[in-house]
Amino acid sequence: MISFDNTEVAFANKSNRSLKKAYFVFKLISISWLNKFATKMLQTGLKIGLPVKGIIKNTVFFQFCGGESIHQCEPTINELAEFNVKSILDYSVEGDQDEYAFNDCLNKAIATIERAKKDRSIPYIVIKLTGFMPFHVLNKNTEGIVLSDKEEIEYDKGKKRLKTLSDAACAAGVPLMIDAEESWIQGNIDEIVLDLMRICNKEKAVVFNTTQMYRHDRLQYIKDLYEIAEKENFYLGIKIVRGAYMEKERLRAEQKGYLSPIQENKEATDRDFNDALRFCMEKLDRISLCCGTHNEESSLLLTELMREKEIAADDSRVFFAQLLGMSDHISFNLAKAEYNVAKYVPYGPIKEVMPYLIRRANENTSISGQTGRELSLIQTELDRRKEANIL
């Protein structure tokens, strides 16, 4: 049985300096008021041109991002690969909703495919659909509102961009993972991804959809999707995560007076997440699975399911994934045991990835025990190195 307590393995790629810096970052974001104050100040500083980029680059950016470009991510990609940990390059620029930004996202994604096809240490590329077409158009389609002529044109352009990308991914043999987003646009995203799966996944899973299991309807969605795939004879690529928009989802449901899509409690989310793992492992003849989690129990469960079903640790249909800078105790111990493991490696200009970094900081503050666990593991490793005269 794998242990996630081995900090020597977990932080084998970290220098003493890097470990101490990571401890400082997690300590900073563990203090809620200080986290909010610091992120607000840094945002304001960027807007008015204060020299704060250096502070960001040497703290949260250093911890959670690979660089400002694919080229700058190379040291991270190579370092992780030395420890059998792969990289999922993620162009994490958020917010801009214009033609220039959409085309830029397409170009960055194509460049990522070009980089990935040269290297087995980059098993997927990942995108958000809102990087390719307007949010409000996806929202209208999800809610069944008729688009204007202008919006129809915007939607068609977005789908053409996505088709260009999926064609490139198929030609290169690089799986394309599409992230989940807010529930009020996810319905249209699901439809678009399903259409791509029908086209691209005839021989194996190339296009992957993402399911957020903090939604109470997602386990049934996976089962229904499997029935469609079996009936129409194509393969499923599914990434399972717990989710990233819970507070926003609940607030919007309350404001607009509809039933929240969020599970009633964490236990229900954990139950559905683990049941989704069980379902996918039962149907592995047609499903390729990426288990995106920082949860130790779910990670262990998947290793046990693989062992019970005599599925090799390095079976290409099963991957574990965590975010860069988080849960190294899971990633590196799984990789040491020869499981397929990948880190999400976000990249992009510092100013443009600030929304992503703020979300990471807020998530660490709000997830019960997450930051405390990170701090405890880092301190354990620092103590171990001190005793061994490595510091």
Protein backbone atom coordinates (compact mmCIF):
# COMPACT_ATOMS: atom_id res chain seq x y z
CA MET A 1 0.00 0.00 0.00
CA ILE A 2 1.30 3.45 -0.92
CA SER A 3 2.08 5.89 1.88
CA PHE A 4 1.76 9.61 1.27
CA ASP A 5 3.78 10.41 4.42
CA ASN A 6 7.21 9.92 2.84
CA THR A 7 8.40 13.51 2.64
CA GLU A 8 11.85 12.53 1.37
CA VAL A 9 10.19 11.25 -1.81
CA ALA A 10 7.58 14.04 -1.86
CA PHE A 11 10.16 16.82 -1.91
CA ALA A 12 13.05 15.07 -3.65
CA ASN A 13 13.07 17.75 -6.35
CA LYS A 14 13.08 20.66 -3.90
CA SER A 15 16.15 22.46 -2.63
CA ASN A 16 16.21 23.71 0.94
CA ARG A 17 15.67 27.24 -0.37
CA SER A 18 12.64 26.17 -2.45
CA LEU A 19 11.13 24.34 0.51
CA LYS A 20 11.50 27.36 2.78
CA LYS A 21 9.97 29.61 0.12
CA ALA A 22 7.05 27.20 -0.28
CA TYR A 23 6.54 27.23 3.48
CA PHE A 24 6.44 31.04 3.45
CA VAL A 25 3.85 31.09 0.62
CA PHE A 26 1.54 28.57 2.29
CA LYS A 27 1.91 30.35 5.63
CA LEU A 28 0.93 33.61 3.94
CA ILE A 29 -2.19 32.22 2.28
CA SER A 30 -3.21 30.29 5.40
CA ILE A 31 -4.02 33.61 7.13
CA SER A 32 -7.30 34.59 5.53
CA TRP A 33 -7.25 38.35 6.17
CA LEU A 34 -3.58 38.64 5.18
CA ASN A 35 -4.18 36.58 2.03
CA LYS A 36 -7.04 38.89 0.97
CA PHE A 37 -5.09 42.04 1.82
CA ALA A 38 -1.94 40.90 -0.01
CA THR A 39 -3.74 39.80 -3.18
CA LYS A 40 -5.73 43.05 -3.27
CA MET A 41 -2.58 45.11 -2.87
CA LEU A 42 -0.73 43.17 -5.57
CA GLN A 43 -3.66 43.52 -7.98
CA THR A 44 -3.81 47.26 -7.37
CA GLY A 45 -0.05 47.55 -7.75
CA LEU A 46 -0.15 45.84 -11.13
CA LYS A 47 -2.97 48.10 -12.33
CA ILE A 48 -1.25 51.34 -11.44
CA GLY A 49 2.20 50.25 -12.54
CA LEU A 50 3.96 49.76 -9.20
CA PRO A 51 7.04 47.47 -9.31
CA VAL A 52 5.31 44.47 -7.70
CA LYS A 53 5.95 41.87 -10.42
CA GLY A 54 9.13 40.78 -8.67
CA ILE A 55 7.23 40.09 -5.44
CA ILE A 56 4.60 38.04 -7.29
CA LYS A 57 7.18 36.17 -9.36
CA ASN A 58 9.17 35.12 -6.30
CA THR A 59 6.18 34.01 -4.22
CA VAL A 60 2.85 32.72 -5.57
CA PHE A 61 3.96 32.66 -9.21
CA PHE A 62 7.11 30.72 -8.28
CA GLN A 63 5.02 28.23 -6.29
CA PHE A 64 2.12 27.63 -8.67
CA CYS A 65 3.30 28.49 -12.23
CA GLY A 66 5.90 27.14 -14.62
CA GLY A 67 6.81 30.45 -16.29
CA GLU A 68 5.50 33.19 -18.51
CA SER A 69 5.95 31.14 -21.71
CA ILE A 70 6.32 27.52 -22.80
CA HIS A 71 10.05 28.11 -23.11
CA GLN A 72 10.24 29.31 -19.52
CA CYS A 73 8.39 26.14 -18.43
CA GLU A 74 11.16 23.89 -19.79
CA PRO A 75 13.13 23.64 -16.51
CA THR A 76 9.96 22.65 -14.65
CA ILE A 77 8.99 20.08 -17.30
CA ASN A 78 12.48 18.55 -17.22
CA GLU A 79 12.75 18.61 -13.44
CA LEU A 80 9.41 16.84 -12.99
CA ALA A 81 10.26 14.29 -15.68
CA GLU A 82 13.39 13.28 -13.76
CA PHE A 83 11.05 11.98 -11.06
CA ASN A 84 8.58 10.29 -13.45
CA VAL A 85 6.08 13.14 -13.06
CA LYS A 86 4.62 14.46 -16.31
CA SER A 87 3.40 17.97 -17.14
CA ILE A 88 0.08 19.28 -18.44
CA LEU A 89 0.79 22.73 -19.88
CA ASP A 90 -2.05 25.14 -19.12
CA TYR A 91 -2.11 28.64 -20.62
CA SER A 92 -3.84 30.23 -17.63
CA VAL A 93 -4.71 33.67 -18.94
CA GLU A 94 -8.31 34.47 -17.95
CA GLY A 95 -10.82 37.22 -18.47
CA ASP A 96 -10.26 38.72 -21.92
CA GLN A 97 -13.27 38.10 -24.20
CA ASP A 98 -12.38 39.51 -27.61
CA GLU A 99 -11.26 38.21 -30.99
CA TYR A 100 -7.61 38.93 -30.33
CA ALA A 101 -7.65 37.02 -27.03
CA PHE A 102 -9.54 34.05 -28.55
CA ASN A 103 -7.09 33.76 -31.45
CA ASP A 104 -4.16 34.13 -29.07
CA CYS A 105 -5.48 31.22 -26.97
CA LEU A 106 -5.79 29.11 -30.11
CA ASN A 107 -2.23 29.93 -31.14
CA LYS A 108 -0.90 29.15 -27.66
CA ALA A 109 -2.79 25.83 -27.63
CA ILE A 110 -1.40 24.88 -31.06
CA ALA A 111 2.10 25.73 -29.83
CA THR A 112 1.49 23.51 -26.79
CA ILE A 113 0.51 20.63 -29.08
CA GLU A 114 3.71 21.15 -31.07
CA ARG A 115 5.71 20.98 -27.83
CA ALA A 116 3.77 17.99 -26.49
CA LYS A 117 4.10 15.79 -29.58
CA LYS A 118 7.89 15.81 -29.16
CA ASP A 119 7.79 14.60 -25.58
CA ARG A 120 5.97 11.80 -23.76
CA SER A 121 6.37 13.76 -20.53
CA ILE A 122 3.51 16.03 -21.71
CA PRO A 123 0.54 13.62 -21.89
CA TYR A 124 -2.30 16.14 -22.48
CA ILE A 125 -2.98 19.73 -23.41
CA VAL A 126 -5.75 21.58 -21.61
CA ILE A 127 -8.01 24.51 -22.47
CA LYS A 128 -11.04 26.39 -21.21
CA LEU A 129 -13.77 26.88 -23.79
CA THR A 130 -14.22 30.48 -22.62
CA GLY A 131 -10.75 31.07 -24.04
CA PHE A 132 -12.16 30.34 -27.51
CA MET A 133 -15.61 31.94 -27.54
CA PRO A 134 -17.65 34.45 -25.50
CA PHE A 135 -18.92 33.47 -22.07
CA HIS A 136 -22.31 35.13 -22.68
CA VAL A 137 -22.89 33.06 -25.83
CA LEU A 138 -22.25 29.80 -23.95
CA ASN A 139 -24.57 31.06 -21.21
CA LYS A 140 -27.40 31.83 -23.64
CA ASN A 141 -27.09 28.45 -25.35
CA THR A 142 -27.10 26.65 -22.01
CA GLU A 143 -30.25 28.50 -20.91
CA GLY A 144 -32.00 28.04 -24.27
CA ILE A 145 -32.03 31.73 -25.21
CA VAL A 146 -31.97 32.50 -28.93
CA LEU A 147 -28.72 34.10 -30.09
CA SER A 148 -28.61 37.32 -32.06
CA ASP A 149 -27.11 37.29 -35.56
CA LYS A 150 -23.88 38.75 -34.15
CA GLU A 151 -23.75 36.10 -31.44
CA GLU A 152 -24.34 33.32 -33.98
CA ILE A 153 -21.28 34.56 -35.87
CA GLU A 154 -19.24 34.65 -32.64
CA TYR A 155 -20.37 31.13 -31.78
CA ASP A 156 -19.48 29.77 -35.22
CA LYS A 157 -16.06 31.38 -35.03
CA GLY A 158 -15.50 29.80 -31.62
CA LYS A 159 -16.46 26.36 -32.87
CA LYS A 160 -14.14 26.76 -35.86
CA ARG A 161 -11.26 27.60 -33.53
CA LEU A 162 -12.02 24.52 -31.48
CA LYS A 163 -12.25 22.35 -34.61
CA THR A 164 -8.85 23.65 -35.73
CA LEU A 165 -7.42 22.74 -32.33
CA SER A 166 -9.03 19.30 -32.13
CA ASP A 167 -7.85 18.47 -35.67
CA ALA A 168 -4.30 19.41 -34.66
CA ALA A 169 -4.55 17.34 -31.47
CA CYS A 170 -5.84 14.31 -33.38
CA ALA A 171 -3.14 14.62 -36.04
CA ALA A 172 -0.42 14.86 -33.39
CA GLY A 173 -1.89 12.13 -31.18
CA VAL A 174 -1.98 14.51 -28.22
CA PRO A 175 -5.11 14.21 -26.04
CA LEU A 176 -7.10 17.43 -25.60
CA MET A 177 -8.59 18.03 -22.17
CA ILE A 178 -11.39 20.60 -21.84
CA ASP A 179 -11.85 22.05 -18.36
CA ALA A 180 -15.21 22.36 -16.63
CA GLU A 181 -16.56 25.84 -15.92
CA GLU A 182 -19.62 27.41 -14.27
CA SER A 183 -22.85 25.41 -14.41
CA TRP A 184 -24.68 28.15 -16.31
CA ILE A 185 -22.37 27.61 -19.30
CA GLN A 186 -21.44 23.96 -18.74
CA GLY A 187 -24.49 22.59 -20.57
CA ASN A 188 -23.33 24.05 -23.87
CA ILE A 189 -19.74 23.00 -23.16
CA ASP A 190 -20.94 19.41 -22.62
CA GLU A 191 -22.75 19.47 -25.98
CA ILE A 192 -19.72 20.80 -27.85
CA VAL A 193 -17.35 18.29 -26.23
CA LEU A 194 -19.72 15.41 -26.97
CA ASP A 195 -19.75 16.35 -30.65
CA LEU A 196 -15.92 16.42 -30.64
CA MET A 197 -15.78 13.02 -28.95
CA ARG A 198 -18.02 11.54 -31.64
CA ILE A 199 -15.55 12.78 -34.28
CA CYS A 200 -12.17 12.32 -32.59
CA ASN A 201 -12.60 9.35 -30.23
CA LYS A 202 -13.35 6.58 -32.73
CA GLU A 203 -10.20 4.56 -31.96
CA LYS A 204 -9.18 5.89 -28.54
CA ALA A 205 -9.93 8.76 -26.19
CA VAL A 206 -8.39 11.94 -27.61
CA VAL A 207 -10.93 14.53 -26.40
CA PHE A 208 -11.60 14.62 -22.64
CA ASN A 209 -14.42 16.35 -20.79
CA THR A 210 -14.15 17.39 -17.14
CA THR A 211 -16.77 16.60 -14.51
CA GLN A 212 -17.01 18.54 -11.25
CA MET A 213 -18.28 16.10 -8.66
CA TYR A 214 -19.40 18.79 -6.23
CA ARG A 215 -22.39 18.98 -8.57
CA HIS A 216 -25.10 16.53 -7.58
CA ASP A 217 -25.89 15.60 -11.21
CA ARG A 218 -22.43 14.69 -12.46
CA LEU A 219 -22.30 11.01 -11.52
CA GLN A 220 -25.45 10.41 -13.55
CA TYR A 221 -23.98 12.55 -16.35
CA ILE A 222 -20.96 10.21 -16.57
CA LYS A 223 -23.23 7.16 -16.68
CA ASP A 224 -25.43 8.70 -19.36
CA LEU A 225 -22.39 9.71 -21.39
CA TYR A 226 -21.10 6.15 -21.22
CA GLU A 227 -24.41 4.84 -22.57
CA ILE A 228 -24.16 7.25 -25.53
CA ALA A 229 -20.57 6.22 -26.21
CA GLU A 230 -21.41 2.54 -26.09
CA LYS A 231 -24.44 2.96 -28.36
CA GLU A 232 -22.58 5.13 -30.90
CA ASN A 233 -19.27 3.25 -30.57
CA PHE A 234 -16.74 5.88 -29.53
CA TYR A 235 -14.39 6.19 -26.56
CA LEU A 236 -14.73 8.47 -23.55
CA GLY A 237 -12.05 10.67 -22.08
CA ILE A 238 -13.09 11.83 -18.61
CA LYS A 239 -11.27 13.93 -16.05
CA ILE A 240 -12.89 13.80 -12.63
CA VAL A 241 -12.39 16.67 -10.19
CA ARG A 242 -14.21 17.89 -7.13
CA GLY A 243 -14.62 21.43 -8.50
CA ALA A 244 -13.53 25.04 -8.41
CA TYR A 245 -16.57 27.37 -8.37
CA MET A 246 -18.58 26.25 -5.34
CA GLU A 247 -19.05 29.57 -3.56
CA LYS A 248 -19.89 31.37 -6.81
CA GLU A 249 -22.40 28.64 -7.73
CA ARG A 250 -24.25 28.80 -4.42
CA LEU A 251 -24.39 32.59 -4.43
CA ARG A 252 -25.81 32.77 -7.96
CA ALA A 253 -28.43 30.10 -7.22
CA GLU A 254 -29.52 32.02 -4.12
CA GLN A 255 -29.65 35.35 -5.96
CA LYS A 256 -31.61 33.99 -8.91
CA GLY A 257 -33.83 31.67 -6.89
CA TYR A 258 -33.07 28.29 -8.45
CA LEU A 259 -31.96 24.99 -6.92
CA SER A 260 -28.22 25.03 -6.32
CA PRO A 261 -26.34 22.45 -8.42
CA ILE A 262 -23.93 21.93 -5.52
CA GLN A 263 -24.02 18.85 -3.29
CA GLU A 264 -25.53 19.32 0.15
CA ASN A 265 -22.21 18.61 1.90
CA LYS A 266 -18.62 17.49 1.40
CA GLU A 267 -19.48 13.89 2.24
CA ALA A 268 -21.83 13.73 -0.75
CA THR A 269 -19.14 15.16 -3.00
CA ASP A 270 -16.59 12.62 -1.75
CA ARG A 271 -19.10 9.79 -2.21
CA ASP A 272 -19.91 10.73 -5.80
CA PHE A 273 -16.25 11.31 -6.64
CA ASN A 274 -15.28 7.85 -5.40
CA ASP A 275 -18.31 6.23 -7.03
CA ALA A 276 -17.31 7.87 -10.30
CA LEU A 277 -13.85 6.32 -9.97
CA ARG A 278 -15.45 2.91 -9.38
CA PHE A 279 -17.73 3.30 -12.39
CA CYS A 280 -14.91 4.35 -14.71
CA MET A 281 -12.70 1.47 -13.61
CA GLU A 282 -15.55 -0.96 -14.29
CA LYS A 283 -15.88 0.47 -17.81
CA LEU A 284 -12.19 0.93 -18.60
CA ASP A 285 -12.61 -0.89 -21.89
CA ARG A 286 -14.27 2.29 -23.19
CA ILE A 287 -13.14 5.02 -20.75
CA SER A 288 -9.79 6.74 -20.26
CA LEU A 289 -9.63 8.41 -16.87
CA CYS A 290 -7.73 11.34 -15.42
CA CYS A 291 -8.26 11.54 -11.66
CA GLY A 292 -7.62 15.16 -10.72
CA THR A 293 -7.53 15.31 -6.94
CA HIS A 294 -5.55 16.45 -3.92
CA ASN A 295 -7.50 14.03 -1.76
CA GLU A 296 -5.41 11.20 -0.31
CA GLU A 297 -8.35 8.85 0.25
CA SER A 298 -9.54 9.05 -3.36
CA SER A 299 -6.00 8.63 -4.67
CA LEU A 300 -5.50 5.52 -2.56
CA LEU A 301 -8.89 4.17 -3.62
CA LEU A 302 -7.92 4.39 -7.28
CA THR A 303 -4.67 2.51 -6.67
CA GLU A 304 -6.67 -0.20 -4.84
CA LEU A 305 -9.20 -0.45 -7.67
CA MET A 306 -6.38 -0.84 -10.18
CA ARG A 307 -4.76 -3.54 -8.08
CA GLU A 308 -8.05 -5.42 -7.61
CA LYS A 309 -8.68 -5.39 -11.37
CA GLU A 310 -5.05 -6.28 -12.15
CA ILE A 311 -4.52 -3.08 -14.11
CA ALA A 312 -0.86 -2.13 -14.43
CA ALA A 313 0.22 0.99 -12.56
CA ASP A 314 1.41 2.55 -15.82
CA ASP A 315 -1.67 1.65 -17.89
CA SER A 316 -2.02 4.59 -20.30
CA ARG A 317 -5.79 4.77 -19.72
CA VAL A 318 -5.40 5.92 -16.10
CA PHE A 319 -3.71 9.11 -14.89
CA PHE A 320 -3.51 10.93 -11.58
CA ALA A 321 -3.18 14.73 -11.68
CA GLN A 322 -2.45 17.50 -9.19
CA LEU A 323 -1.68 21.20 -9.51
CA LEU A 324 1.91 22.37 -9.63
CA GLY A 325 3.04 23.47 -6.20
CA MET A 326 0.42 21.47 -4.31
CA SER A 327 0.13 17.91 -2.96
CA ASP A 328 3.64 16.84 -3.93
CA HIS A 329 3.33 14.10 -1.30
CA ILE A 330 0.65 12.51 -3.51
CA SER A 331 2.24 13.18 -6.90
CA PHE A 332 5.80 12.09 -6.17
CA ASN A 333 4.95 9.03 -4.07
CA LEU A 334 2.57 7.78 -6.79
CA ALA A 335 5.19 8.43 -9.45
CA LYS A 336 7.80 6.59 -7.38
CA ALA A 337 5.44 3.58 -7.45
CA GLU A 338 5.31 3.93 -11.29
CA TYR A 339 1.74 5.23 -11.59
CA ASN A 340 1.00 7.74 -14.35
CA VAL A 341 1.10 11.15 -12.67
CA ALA A 342 0.95 14.64 -14.14
CA LYS A 343 1.14 18.12 -12.72
CA TYR A 344 -0.94 20.97 -14.16
CA VAL A 345 1.75 23.50 -15.11
CA PRO A 346 0.09 26.90 -15.61
CA TYR A 347 1.94 29.54 -17.60
CA GLY A 348 1.36 33.03 -18.97
CA PRO A 349 2.33 36.67 -18.35
CA ILE A 350 2.26 37.48 -14.64
CA LYS A 351 -0.37 40.22 -14.94
CA GLU A 352 -2.71 38.02 -16.98
CA VAL A 353 -2.46 34.95 -14.72
CA MET A 354 -3.25 36.90 -11.53
CA PRO A 355 -6.93 35.75 -11.57
CA TYR A 356 -5.68 32.14 -11.61
CA LEU A 357 -3.20 32.80 -8.79
CA ILE A 358 -5.84 34.52 -6.66
CA ARG A 359 -8.17 31.55 -7.13
CA ARG A 360 -5.37 29.18 -6.06
CA ALA A 361 -4.74 31.25 -2.95
CA ASN A 362 -8.45 31.44 -2.10
CA GLU A 363 -8.95 27.72 -2.67
CA ASN A 364 -6.11 26.86 -0.31
CA THR A 365 -7.66 29.10 2.32
CA SER A 366 -11.17 27.66 1.93
CA ILE A 367 -10.37 23.94 1.59
CA SER A 368 -10.42 22.47 5.07
CA GLY A 369 -7.00 21.18 6.09
CA GLN A 370 -5.32 21.72 2.70
CA THR A 371 -2.88 24.47 3.67
CA GLY A 372 -2.27 22.98 7.11
CA ARG A 373 -1.37 19.66 5.53
CA GLU A 374 1.05 21.36 3.11
CA LEU A 375 2.73 23.26 5.95
CA SER A 376 3.00 20.16 8.12
CA LEU A 377 4.61 18.09 5.37
CA ILE A 378 7.11 20.81 4.47
CA GLN A 379 8.04 21.25 8.15
CA THR A 380 8.48 17.48 8.54
CA GLU A 381 10.88 17.41 5.59
CA LEU A 382 12.82 20.43 6.84
CA ASP A 383 13.15 18.72 10.25
CA ARG A 384 14.28 15.48 8.58
CA ARG A 385 16.94 17.30 6.59
CA LYS A 386 18.14 19.14 9.67
CA GLU A 387 18.54 15.89 11.59
CA ALA A 388 20.38 14.37 8.64
CA ASN A 389 22.64 17.46 8.40
CA ILE A 390 21.29 18.21 4.91
CA LEU A 391 20.19 21.76 5.72
